[in-house]
Amino acid sequence: MADHDEIPMLARGIAGPLGKLTEEAKTKIDPVTQELWLQYCASIRTDTASLLRDFIYMTVHKRSYRQLVLDKSNHEAKCIEALTKLIGSIEAPESGGAHG
């Protein structure tokens, strides 16, 4: 998997690749498992919510949430690239683009 520091993350309330993140998923676990869970999350440098979200998306969509975010970003970048090739670059006057 890609380095977690390079993966764009979406904050709560922002639309994810499949829509706005509004639903909560909670569970309870015993204290021993909780301690091991926190140690595991720390060892892979992530937080519990992100890992739970990835697990749920992986189970349901066969792709982690992080991968879906990356796929959406890559798709949007390819669309912009294709449009730029088709119609040319559109730059603001401040950046030295079209002069009026």
PDB file of N, CA and C in Angstrom:
ATOM      1  N   MET A   1       0.844  -1.173   0.000  1.00  0.00           N
ATOM      2  CA  MET A   1       0.000   0.000   0.000  1.00  0.00           C
ATOM      3  C   MET A   1       0.887   1.232   0.000  1.00  0.00           C
ATOM      4  N   ALA A   2       0.379   2.335  -0.533  1.00  0.00           N
ATOM      5  CA  ALA A   2       1.132   3.572  -0.617  1.00  0.00           C
ATOM      6  C   ALA A   2       1.429   4.126   0.772  1.00  0.00           C
ATOM      7  N   ASP A   3       2.439   4.983   0.844  1.00  0.00           N
ATOM      8  CA  ASP A   3       2.795   5.631   2.095  1.00  0.00           C
ATOM      9  C   ASP A   3       1.625   6.480   2.570  1.00  0.00           C
ATOM     10  N   HIS A   4       1.197   6.297   3.822  1.00  0.00           N
ATOM     11  CA  HIS A   4       0.028   6.998   4.360  1.00  0.00           C
ATOM     12  C   HIS A   4       0.215   8.506   4.336  1.00  0.00           C
ATOM     13  N   ASP A   5       1.463   9.018   4.382  1.00  0.00           N
ATOM     14  CA  ASP A   5       1.698  10.450   4.372  1.00  0.00           C
ATOM     15  C   ASP A   5       1.364  11.068   3.016  1.00  0.00           C
ATOM     16  N   GLU A   6       1.331  10.272   1.956  1.00  0.00           N
ATOM     17  CA  GLU A   6       1.073  10.781   0.620  1.00  0.00           C
ATOM     18  C   GLU A   6      -0.384  10.622   0.204  1.00  0.00           C
ATOM     19  N   ILE A   7      -1.200   9.989   1.011  1.00  0.00           N
ATOM     20  CA  ILE A   7      -2.575   9.722   0.651  1.00  0.00           C
ATOM     21  C   ILE A   7      -3.462  10.887   1.059  1.00  0.00           C
ATOM     22  N   PRO A   8      -4.181  11.501   0.094  1.00  0.00           N
ATOM     23  CA  PRO A   8      -5.065  12.590   0.492  1.00  0.00           C
ATOM     24  C   PRO A   8      -6.230  12.052   1.305  1.00  0.00           C
ATOM     25  N   MET A   9      -6.524  12.704   2.393  1.00  0.00           N
ATOM     26  CA  MET A   9      -7.630  12.279   3.233  1.00  0.00           C
ATOM     27  C   MET A   9      -8.714  13.343   3.200  1.00  0.00           C
ATOM     28  N   LEU A  10      -9.945  12.927   3.361  1.00  0.00           N
ATOM     29  CA  LEU A  10     -11.056  13.856   3.374  1.00  0.00           C
ATOM     30  C   LEU A  10     -11.563  14.005   4.791  1.00  0.00           C
ATOM     31  N   ALA A  11     -11.775  15.225   5.205  1.00  0.00           N
ATOM     32  CA  ALA A  11     -12.274  15.491   6.550  1.00  0.00           C
ATOM     33  C   ALA A  11     -13.748  15.111   6.650  1.00  0.00           C
ATOM     34  N   ARG A  12     -14.225  14.972   7.880  1.00  0.00           N
ATOM     35  CA  ARG A  12     -15.633  14.663   8.099  1.00  0.00           C
ATOM     36  C   ARG A  12     -16.486  15.741   7.458  1.00  0.00           C
ATOM     37  N   GLY A  13     -17.613  15.336   6.902  1.00  0.00           N
ATOM     38  CA  GLY A  13     -18.543  16.277   6.316  1.00  0.00           C
ATOM     39  C   GLY A  13     -18.250  16.585   4.864  1.00  0.00           C
ATOM     40  N   ILE A  14     -17.064  16.261   4.382  1.00  0.00           N
ATOM     41  CA  ILE A  14     -16.728  16.484   2.980  1.00  0.00           C
ATOM     42  C   ILE A  14     -17.163  15.254   2.200  1.00  0.00           C
ATOM     43  N   ALA A  15     -17.612  15.490   0.985  1.00  0.00           N
ATOM     44  CA  ALA A  15     -18.066  14.383   0.158  1.00  0.00           C
ATOM     45  C   ALA A  15     -16.897  13.477  -0.193  1.00  0.00           C
ATOM     46  N   GLY A  16     -17.067  12.196   0.052  1.00  0.00           N
ATOM     47  CA  GLY A  16     -16.084  11.205  -0.333  1.00  0.00           C
ATOM     48  C   GLY A  16     -16.379  10.717  -1.741  1.00  0.00           C
ATOM     49  N   PRO A  17     -15.693   9.707  -2.195  1.00  0.00           N
ATOM     50  CA  PRO A  17     -15.888   9.214  -3.554  1.00  0.00           C
ATOM     51  C   PRO A  17     -17.299   8.685  -3.806  1.00  0.00           C
ATOM     52  N   LEU A  18     -18.001   8.305  -2.763  1.00  0.00           N
ATOM     53  CA  LEU A  18     -19.362   7.769  -2.927  1.00  0.00           C
ATOM     54  C   LEU A  18     -20.409   8.657  -2.266  1.00  0.00           C
ATOM     55  N   GLY A  19     -20.051   9.879  -1.915  1.00  0.00           N
ATOM     56  CA  GLY A  19     -20.984  10.800  -1.287  1.00  0.00           C
ATOM     57  C   GLY A  19     -20.497  11.275   0.065  1.00  0.00           C
ATOM     58  N   LYS A  20     -21.301  12.117   0.690  1.00  0.00           N
ATOM     59  CA  LYS A  20     -20.951  12.715   1.973  1.00  0.00           C
ATOM     60  C   LYS A  20     -20.878  11.658   3.073  1.00  0.00           C
ATOM     61  N   LEU A  21     -19.873  11.778   3.918  1.00  0.00           N
ATOM     62  CA  LEU A  21     -19.682  10.830   5.021  1.00  0.00           C
ATOM     63  C   LEU A  21     -20.534  11.285   6.204  1.00  0.00           C
ATOM     64  N   THR A  22     -21.678  10.648   6.392  1.00  0.00           N
ATOM     65  CA  THR A  22     -22.612  11.069   7.437  1.00  0.00           C
ATOM     66  C   THR A  22     -22.951   9.966   8.436  1.00  0.00           C
ATOM     67  N   GLU A  23     -22.708   8.720   8.090  1.00  0.00           N
ATOM     68  CA  GLU A  23     -23.138   7.593   8.926  1.00  0.00           C
ATOM     69  C   GLU A  23     -22.014   7.144   9.849  1.00  0.00           C
ATOM     70  N   GLU A  24     -22.369   6.830  11.100  1.00  0.00           N
ATOM     71  CA  GLU A  24     -21.397   6.333  12.077  1.00  0.00           C
ATOM     72  C   GLU A  24     -21.440   4.817  12.150  1.00  0.00           C
ATOM     73  N   ALA A  25     -20.290   4.222  12.423  1.00  0.00           N
ATOM     74  CA  ALA A  25     -20.200   2.783  12.666  1.00  0.00           C
ATOM     75  C   ALA A  25     -19.439   2.619  13.984  1.00  0.00           C
ATOM     76  N   LYS A  26     -20.092   2.049  14.981  1.00  0.00           N
ATOM     77  CA  LYS A  26     -19.485   1.902  16.306  1.00  0.00           C
ATOM     78  C   LYS A  26     -19.527   0.441  16.749  1.00  0.00           C
ATOM     79  N   THR A  27     -18.623   0.122  17.663  1.00  0.00           N
ATOM     80  CA  THR A  27     -18.645  -1.189  18.299  1.00  0.00           C
ATOM     81  C   THR A  27     -17.958  -1.083  19.653  1.00  0.00           C
ATOM     82  N   LYS A  28     -18.100  -2.092  20.455  1.00  0.00           N
ATOM     83  CA  LYS A  28     -17.424  -2.155  21.752  1.00  0.00           C
ATOM     84  C   LYS A  28     -16.523  -3.379  21.756  1.00  0.00           C
ATOM     85  N   ILE A  29     -15.361  -3.224  22.387  1.00  0.00           N
ATOM     86  CA  ILE A  29     -14.412  -4.326  22.513  1.00  0.00           C
ATOM     87  C   ILE A  29     -13.859  -4.344  23.939  1.00  0.00           C
ATOM     88  N   ASP A  30     -13.219  -5.444  24.315  1.00  0.00           N
ATOM     89  CA  ASP A  30     -12.659  -5.575  25.658  1.00  0.00           C
ATOM     90  C   ASP A  30     -11.368  -4.765  25.767  1.00  0.00           C
ATOM     91  N   PRO A  31     -10.939  -4.444  27.005  1.00  0.00           N
ATOM     92  CA  PRO A  31      -9.758  -3.602  27.215  1.00  0.00           C
ATOM     93  C   PRO A  31      -8.454  -4.177  26.646  1.00  0.00           C
ATOM     94  N   VAL A  32      -8.274  -5.485  26.727  1.00  0.00           N
ATOM     95  CA  VAL A  32      -7.042  -6.097  26.194  1.00  0.00           C
ATOM     96  C   VAL A  32      -6.985  -5.909  24.676  1.00  0.00           C
ATOM     97  N   THR A  33      -8.090  -6.196  24.016  1.00  0.00           N
ATOM     98  CA  THR A  33      -8.151  -6.025  22.564  1.00  0.00           C
ATOM     99  C   THR A  33      -7.991  -4.553  22.195  1.00  0.00           C
ATOM    100  N   GLN A  34      -8.570  -3.669  22.983  1.00  0.00           N
ATOM    101  CA  GLN A  34      -8.440  -2.225  22.735  1.00  0.00           C
ATOM    102  C   GLN A  34      -6.976  -1.804  22.753  1.00  0.00           C
ATOM    103  N   GLU A  35      -6.233  -2.265  23.758  1.00  0.00           N
ATOM    104  CA  GLU A  35      -4.817  -1.903  23.858  1.00  0.00           C
ATOM    105  C   GLU A  35      -4.031  -2.437  22.659  1.00  0.00           C
ATOM    106  N   LEU A  36      -4.293  -3.680  22.269  1.00  0.00           N
ATOM    107  CA  LEU A  36      -3.624  -4.261  21.102  1.00  0.00           C
ATOM    108  C   LEU A  36      -4.014  -3.530  19.821  1.00  0.00           C
ATOM    109  N   TRP A  37      -5.278  -3.151  19.733  1.00  0.00           N
ATOM    110  CA  TRP A  37      -5.786  -2.407  18.573  1.00  0.00           C
ATOM    111  C   TRP A  37      -5.069  -1.056  18.446  1.00  0.00           C
ATOM    112  N   LEU A  38      -4.941  -0.337  19.564  1.00  0.00           N
ATOM    113  CA  LEU A  38      -4.261   0.952  19.543  1.00  0.00           C
ATOM    114  C   LEU A  38      -2.780   0.797  19.179  1.00  0.00           C
ATOM    115  N   GLN A  39      -2.150  -0.252  19.706  1.00  0.00           N
ATOM    116  CA  GLN A  39      -0.755  -0.514  19.364  1.00  0.00           C
ATOM    117  C   GLN A  39      -0.612  -0.817  17.872  1.00  0.00           C
ATOM    118  N   TYR A  40      -1.543  -1.599  17.338  1.00  0.00           N
ATOM    119  CA  TYR A  40      -1.493  -1.932  15.911  1.00  0.00           C
ATOM    120  C   TYR A  40      -1.651  -0.672  15.062  1.00  0.00           C
ATOM    121  N   CYS A  41      -2.636   0.146  15.393  1.00  0.00           N
ATOM    122  CA  CYS A  41      -2.853   1.379  14.627  1.00  0.00           C
ATOM    123  C   CYS A  41      -1.614   2.268  14.681  1.00  0.00           C
ATOM    124  N   ALA A  42      -1.009   2.387  15.853  1.00  0.00           N
ATOM    125  CA  ALA A  42       0.206   3.194  15.983  1.00  0.00           C
ATOM    126  C   ALA A  42       1.344   2.606  15.149  1.00  0.00           C
ATOM    127  N   SER A  43       1.429   1.292  15.100  1.00  0.00           N
ATOM    128  CA  SER A  43       2.520   0.649  14.357  1.00  0.00           C
ATOM    129  C   SER A  43       2.424   0.888  12.850  1.00  0.00           C
ATOM    130  N   ILE A  44       1.218   1.110  12.354  1.00  0.00           N
ATOM    131  CA  ILE A  44       1.070   1.395  10.918  1.00  0.00           C
ATOM    132  C   ILE A  44       0.773   2.877  10.680  1.00  0.00           C
ATOM    133  N   ARG A  45       0.938   3.677  11.713  1.00  0.00           N
ATOM    134  CA  ARG A  45       0.804   5.134  11.641  1.00  0.00           C
ATOM    135  C   ARG A  45      -0.543   5.580  11.083  1.00  0.00           C
ATOM    136  N   THR A  46      -1.610   5.081  11.686  1.00  0.00           N
ATOM    137  CA  THR A  46      -2.949   5.515  11.320  1.00  0.00           C
ATOM    138  C   THR A  46      -3.793   5.633  12.577  1.00  0.00           C
ATOM    139  N   ASP A  47      -4.965   6.184  12.443  1.00  0.00           N
ATOM    140  CA  ASP A  47      -5.863   6.271  13.588  1.00  0.00           C
ATOM    141  C   ASP A  47      -6.944   5.192  13.460  1.00  0.00           C
ATOM    142  N   THR A  48      -7.622   4.937  14.566  1.00  0.00           N
ATOM    143  CA  THR A  48      -8.601   3.844  14.591  1.00  0.00           C
ATOM    144  C   THR A  48      -9.752   4.090  13.618  1.00  0.00           C
ATOM    145  N   ALA A  49     -10.219   5.327  13.511  1.00  0.00           N
ATOM    146  CA  ALA A  49     -11.342   5.630  12.620  1.00  0.00           C
ATOM    147  C   ALA A  49     -10.982   5.360  11.161  1.00  0.00           C
ATOM    148  N   SER A  50      -9.787   5.775  10.745  1.00  0.00           N
ATOM    149  CA  SER A  50      -9.372   5.553   9.356  1.00  0.00           C
ATOM    150  C   SER A  50      -9.259   4.071   9.033  1.00  0.00           C
ATOM    151  N   LEU A  51      -8.704   3.316   9.976  1.00  0.00           N
ATOM    152  CA  LEU A  51      -8.546   1.882   9.737  1.00  0.00           C
ATOM    153  C   LEU A  51      -9.894   1.172   9.716  1.00  0.00           C
ATOM    154  N   LEU A  52     -10.799   1.550  10.615  1.00  0.00           N
ATOM    155  CA  LEU A  52     -12.147   0.966  10.593  1.00  0.00           C
ATOM    156  C   LEU A  52     -12.868   1.314   9.290  1.00  0.00           C
ATOM    157  N   ARG A  53     -12.742   2.577   8.863  1.00  0.00           N
ATOM    158  CA  ARG A  53     -13.369   2.996   7.605  1.00  0.00           C
ATOM    159  C   ARG A  53     -12.805   2.177   6.442  1.00  0.00           C
ATOM    160  N   ASP A  54     -11.480   2.036   6.395  1.00  0.00           N
ATOM    161  CA  ASP A  54     -10.871   1.236   5.328  1.00  0.00           C
ATOM    162  C   ASP A  54     -11.381  -0.200   5.355  1.00  0.00           C
ATOM    163  N   PHE A  55     -11.488  -0.789   6.558  1.00  0.00           N
ATOM    164  CA  PHE A  55     -11.969  -2.163   6.672  1.00  0.00           C
ATOM    165  C   PHE A  55     -13.397  -2.287   6.133  1.00  0.00           C
ATOM    166  N   ILE A  56     -14.247  -1.350   6.507  1.00  0.00           N
ATOM    167  CA  ILE A  56     -15.645  -1.403   6.056  1.00  0.00           C
ATOM    168  C   ILE A  56     -15.717  -1.263   4.540  1.00  0.00           C
ATOM    169  N   TYR A  57     -15.017  -0.291   3.989  1.00  0.00           N
ATOM    170  CA  TYR A  57     -15.044  -0.095   2.531  1.00  0.00           C
ATOM    171  C   TYR A  57     -14.430  -1.299   1.814  1.00  0.00           C
ATOM    172  N   MET A  58     -13.374  -1.856   2.368  1.00  0.00           N
ATOM    173  CA  MET A  58     -12.738  -3.032   1.769  1.00  0.00           C
ATOM    174  C   MET A  58     -13.710  -4.206   1.763  1.00  0.00           C
ATOM    175  N   THR A  59     -14.438  -4.381   2.838  1.00  0.00           N
ATOM    176  CA  THR A  59     -15.393  -5.475   2.946  1.00  0.00           C
ATOM    177  C   THR A  59     -16.547  -5.305   1.956  1.00  0.00           C
ATOM    178  N   VAL A  60     -17.053  -4.089   1.853  1.00  0.00           N
ATOM    179  CA  VAL A  60     -18.228  -3.830   1.022  1.00  0.00           C
ATOM    180  C   VAL A  60     -17.874  -3.597  -0.447  1.00  0.00           C
ATOM    181  N   HIS A  61     -16.822  -2.802  -0.710  1.00  0.00           N
ATOM    182  CA  HIS A  61     -16.494  -2.382  -2.076  1.00  0.00           C
ATOM    183  C   HIS A  61     -15.255  -3.064  -2.650  1.00  0.00           C
ATOM    184  N   LYS A  62     -14.602  -3.891  -1.857  1.00  0.00           N
ATOM    185  CA  LYS A  62     -13.372  -4.585  -2.271  1.00  0.00           C
ATOM    186  C   LYS A  62     -12.226  -3.615  -2.546  1.00  0.00           C
ATOM    187  N   ARG A  63     -12.344  -2.376  -2.066  1.00  0.00           N
ATOM    188  CA  ARG A  63     -11.298  -1.364  -2.164  1.00  0.00           C
ATOM    189  C   ARG A  63     -11.369  -0.532  -0.886  1.00  0.00           C
ATOM    190  N   SER A  64     -10.212  -0.164  -0.363  1.00  0.00           N
ATOM    191  CA  SER A  64     -10.209   0.661   0.842  1.00  0.00           C
ATOM    192  C   SER A  64     -10.721   2.059   0.513  1.00  0.00           C
ATOM    193  N   TYR A  65     -11.155   2.758   1.536  1.00  0.00           N
ATOM    194  CA  TYR A  65     -11.606   4.139   1.352  1.00  0.00           C
ATOM    195  C   TYR A  65     -10.481   4.976   0.759  1.00  0.00           C
ATOM    196  N   ARG A  66      -9.282   4.774   1.283  1.00  0.00           N
ATOM    197  CA  ARG A  66      -8.121   5.519   0.780  1.00  0.00           C
ATOM    198  C   ARG A  66      -7.913   5.266  -0.704  1.00  0.00           C
ATOM    199  N   GLN A  67      -8.088   4.019  -1.145  1.00  0.00           N
ATOM    200  CA  GLN A  67      -7.918   3.700  -2.559  1.00  0.00           C
ATOM    201  C   GLN A  67      -9.013   4.353  -3.398  1.00  0.00           C
ATOM    202  N   LEU A  68     -10.238   4.356  -2.887  1.00  0.00           N
ATOM    203  CA  LEU A  68     -11.334   5.019  -3.601  1.00  0.00           C
ATOM    204  C   LEU A  68     -11.059   6.516  -3.748  1.00  0.00           C
ATOM    205  N   VAL A  69     -10.517   7.155  -2.699  1.00  0.00           N
ATOM    206  CA  VAL A  69     -10.167   8.573  -2.763  1.00  0.00           C
ATOM    207  C   VAL A  69      -9.089   8.798  -3.820  1.00  0.00           C
ATOM    208  N   LEU A  70      -8.061   7.954  -3.803  1.00  0.00           N
ATOM    209  CA  LEU A  70      -6.993   8.072  -4.800  1.00  0.00           C
ATOM    210  C   LEU A  70      -7.528   7.851  -6.217  1.00  0.00           C
ATOM    211  N   ASP A  71      -8.378   6.849  -6.386  1.00  0.00           N
ATOM    212  CA  ASP A  71      -8.959   6.578  -7.699  1.00  0.00           C
ATOM    213  C   ASP A  71      -9.754   7.773  -8.209  1.00  0.00           C
ATOM    214  N   LYS A  72     -10.537   8.396  -7.310  1.00  0.00           N
ATOM    215  CA  LYS A  72     -11.332   9.561  -7.704  1.00  0.00           C
ATOM    216  C   LYS A  72     -10.410  10.717  -8.086  1.00  0.00           C
ATOM    217  N   SER A  73      -9.381  10.959  -7.289  1.00  0.00           N
ATOM    218  CA  SER A  73      -8.433  12.037  -7.589  1.00  0.00           C
ATOM    219  C   SER A  73      -7.727  11.797  -8.919  1.00  0.00           C
ATOM    220  N   ASN A  74      -7.293  10.563  -9.151  1.00  0.00           N
ATOM    221  CA  ASN A  74      -6.624  10.226 -10.409  1.00  0.00           C
ATOM    222  C   ASN A  74      -7.565  10.386 -11.595  1.00  0.00           C
ATOM    223  N   HIS A  75      -8.812   9.970 -11.430  1.00  0.00           N
ATOM    224  CA  HIS A  75      -9.802  10.111 -12.500  1.00  0.00           C
ATOM    225  C   HIS A  75     -10.021  11.589 -12.836  1.00  0.00           C
ATOM    226  N   GLU A  76     -10.173  12.415 -11.796  1.00  0.00           N
ATOM    227  CA  GLU A  76     -10.374  13.848 -12.012  1.00  0.00           C
ATOM    228  C   GLU A  76      -9.165  14.470 -12.695  1.00  0.00           C
ATOM    229  N   ALA A  77      -7.961  14.074 -12.305  1.00  0.00           N
ATOM    230  CA  ALA A  77      -6.747  14.603 -12.923  1.00  0.00           C
ATOM    231  C   ALA A  77      -6.682  14.215 -14.401  1.00  0.00           C
ATOM    232  N   LYS A  78      -7.068  12.974 -14.714  1.00  0.00           N
ATOM    233  CA  LYS A  78      -7.070  12.529 -16.118  1.00  0.00           C
ATOM    234  C   LYS A  78      -8.110  13.296 -16.932  1.00  0.00           C
ATOM    235  N   CYS A  79      -9.266  13.588 -16.334  1.00  0.00           N
ATOM    236  CA  CYS A  79     -10.297  14.370 -17.023  1.00  0.00           C
ATOM    237  C   CYS A  79      -9.792  15.777 -17.317  1.00  0.00           C
ATOM    238  N   ILE A  80      -9.138  16.388 -16.345  1.00  0.00           N
ATOM    239  CA  ILE A  80      -8.591  17.732 -16.537  1.00  0.00           C
ATOM    240  C   ILE A  80      -7.522  17.711 -17.626  1.00  0.00           C
ATOM    241  N   GLU A  81      -6.675  16.695 -17.594  1.00  0.00           N
ATOM    242  CA  GLU A  81      -5.624  16.565 -18.611  1.00  0.00           C
ATOM    243  C   GLU A  81      -6.231  16.406 -19.999  1.00  0.00           C
ATOM    244  N   ALA A  82      -7.266  15.572 -20.107  1.00  0.00           N
ATOM    245  CA  ALA A  82      -7.917  15.370 -21.398  1.00  0.00           C
ATOM    246  C   ALA A  82      -8.577  16.653 -21.891  1.00  0.00           C
ATOM    247  N   LEU A  83      -9.246  17.373 -20.989  1.00  0.00           N
ATOM    248  CA  LEU A  83      -9.877  18.645 -21.372  1.00  0.00           C
ATOM    249  C   LEU A  83      -8.834  19.665 -21.791  1.00  0.00           C
ATOM    250  N   THR A  84      -7.713  19.706 -21.078  1.00  0.00           N
ATOM    251  CA  THR A  84      -6.642  20.641 -21.421  1.00  0.00           C
ATOM    252  C   THR A  84      -6.102  20.345 -22.809  1.00  0.00           C
ATOM    253  N   LYS A  85      -5.935  19.075 -23.144  1.00  0.00           N
ATOM    254  CA  LYS A  85      -5.470  18.696 -24.483  1.00  0.00           C
ATOM    255  C   LYS A  85      -6.500  19.073 -25.540  1.00  0.00           C
ATOM    256  N   LEU A  86      -7.768  18.948 -25.191  1.00  0.00           N
ATOM    257  CA  LEU A  86      -8.845  19.219 -26.137  1.00  0.00           C
ATOM    258  C   LEU A  86      -9.038  20.716 -26.376  1.00  0.00           C
ATOM    259  N   ILE A  87      -9.085  21.506 -25.308  1.00  0.00           N
ATOM    260  CA  ILE A  87      -9.405  22.929 -25.459  1.00  0.00           C
ATOM    261  C   ILE A  87      -8.244  23.849 -25.137  1.00  0.00           C
ATOM    262  N   GLY A  88      -7.148  23.316 -24.676  1.00  0.00           N
ATOM    263  CA  GLY A  88      -5.997  24.137 -24.337  1.00  0.00           C
ATOM    264  C   GLY A  88      -6.060  24.609 -22.899  1.00  0.00           C
ATOM    265  N   SER A  89      -4.966  25.145 -22.459  1.00  0.00           N
ATOM    266  CA  SER A  89      -4.849  25.608 -21.082  1.00  0.00           C
ATOM    267  C   SER A  89      -5.591  26.918 -20.910  1.00  0.00           C
ATOM    268  N   ILE A  90      -6.301  27.026 -19.816  1.00  0.00           N
ATOM    269  CA  ILE A  90      -6.988  28.276 -19.475  1.00  0.00           C
ATOM    270  C   ILE A  90      -6.337  28.790 -18.211  1.00  0.00           C
ATOM    271  N   GLU A  91      -5.662  29.937 -18.343  1.00  0.00           N
ATOM    272  CA  GLU A  91      -4.940  30.494 -17.206  1.00  0.00           C
ATOM    273  C   GLU A  91      -5.511  31.863 -16.860  1.00  0.00           C
ATOM    274  N   ALA A  92      -5.431  32.183 -15.601  1.00  0.00           N
ATOM    275  CA  ALA A  92      -5.847  33.504 -15.147  1.00  0.00           C
ATOM    276  C   ALA A  92      -4.851  34.542 -15.613  1.00  0.00           C
ATOM    277  N   PRO A  93      -5.302  35.787 -15.859  1.00  0.00           N
ATOM    278  CA  PRO A  93      -4.374  36.844 -16.313  1.00  0.00           C
ATOM    279  C   PRO A  93      -3.181  37.022 -15.386  1.00  0.00           C
ATOM    280  N   GLU A  94      -3.376  36.828 -14.057  1.00  0.00           N
ATOM    281  CA  GLU A  94      -2.288  36.996 -13.108  1.00  0.00           C
ATOM    282  C   GLU A  94      -1.154  36.021 -13.335  1.00  0.00           C
ATOM    283  N   SER A  95      -1.457  34.870 -13.955  1.00  0.00           N
ATOM    284  CA  SER A  95      -0.428  33.840 -14.139  1.00  0.00           C
ATOM    285  C   SER A  95       0.225  33.954 -15.508  1.00  0.00           C
ATOM    286  N   GLY A  96      -0.057  35.032 -16.226  1.00  0.00           N
ATOM    287  CA  GLY A  96       0.563  35.204 -17.541  1.00  0.00           C
ATOM    288  C   GLY A  96      -0.238  34.555 -18.646  1.00  0.00           C
ATOM    289  N   GLY A  97      -1.481  34.201 -18.377  1.00  0.00           N
ATOM    290  CA  GLY A  97      -2.330  33.545 -19.377  1.00  0.00           C
ATOM    291  C   GLY A  97      -2.899  34.547 -20.357  1.00  0.00           C
ATOM    292  N   ALA A  98      -4.112  34.294 -20.784  1.00  0.00           N
ATOM    293  CA  ALA A  98      -4.766  35.122 -21.795  1.00  0.00           C
ATOM    294  C   ALA A  98      -4.771  36.584 -21.382  1.00  0.00           C
ATOM    295  N   HIS A  99      -4.436  37.439 -22.317  1.00  0.00           N
ATOM    296  CA  HIS A  99      -4.419  38.880 -22.057  1.00  0.00           C
ATOM    297  C   HIS A  99      -5.634  39.518 -22.695  1.00  0.00           C
ATOM    298  N   GLY A 100      -6.300  40.409 -21.934  1.00  0.00           N
ATOM    299  CA  GLY A 100      -7.521  41.008 -22.442  1.00  0.00           C
ATOM    300  C   GLY A 100      -7.429  42.413 -22.789  1.00  0.00           C
TER     301      GLY A 100
END
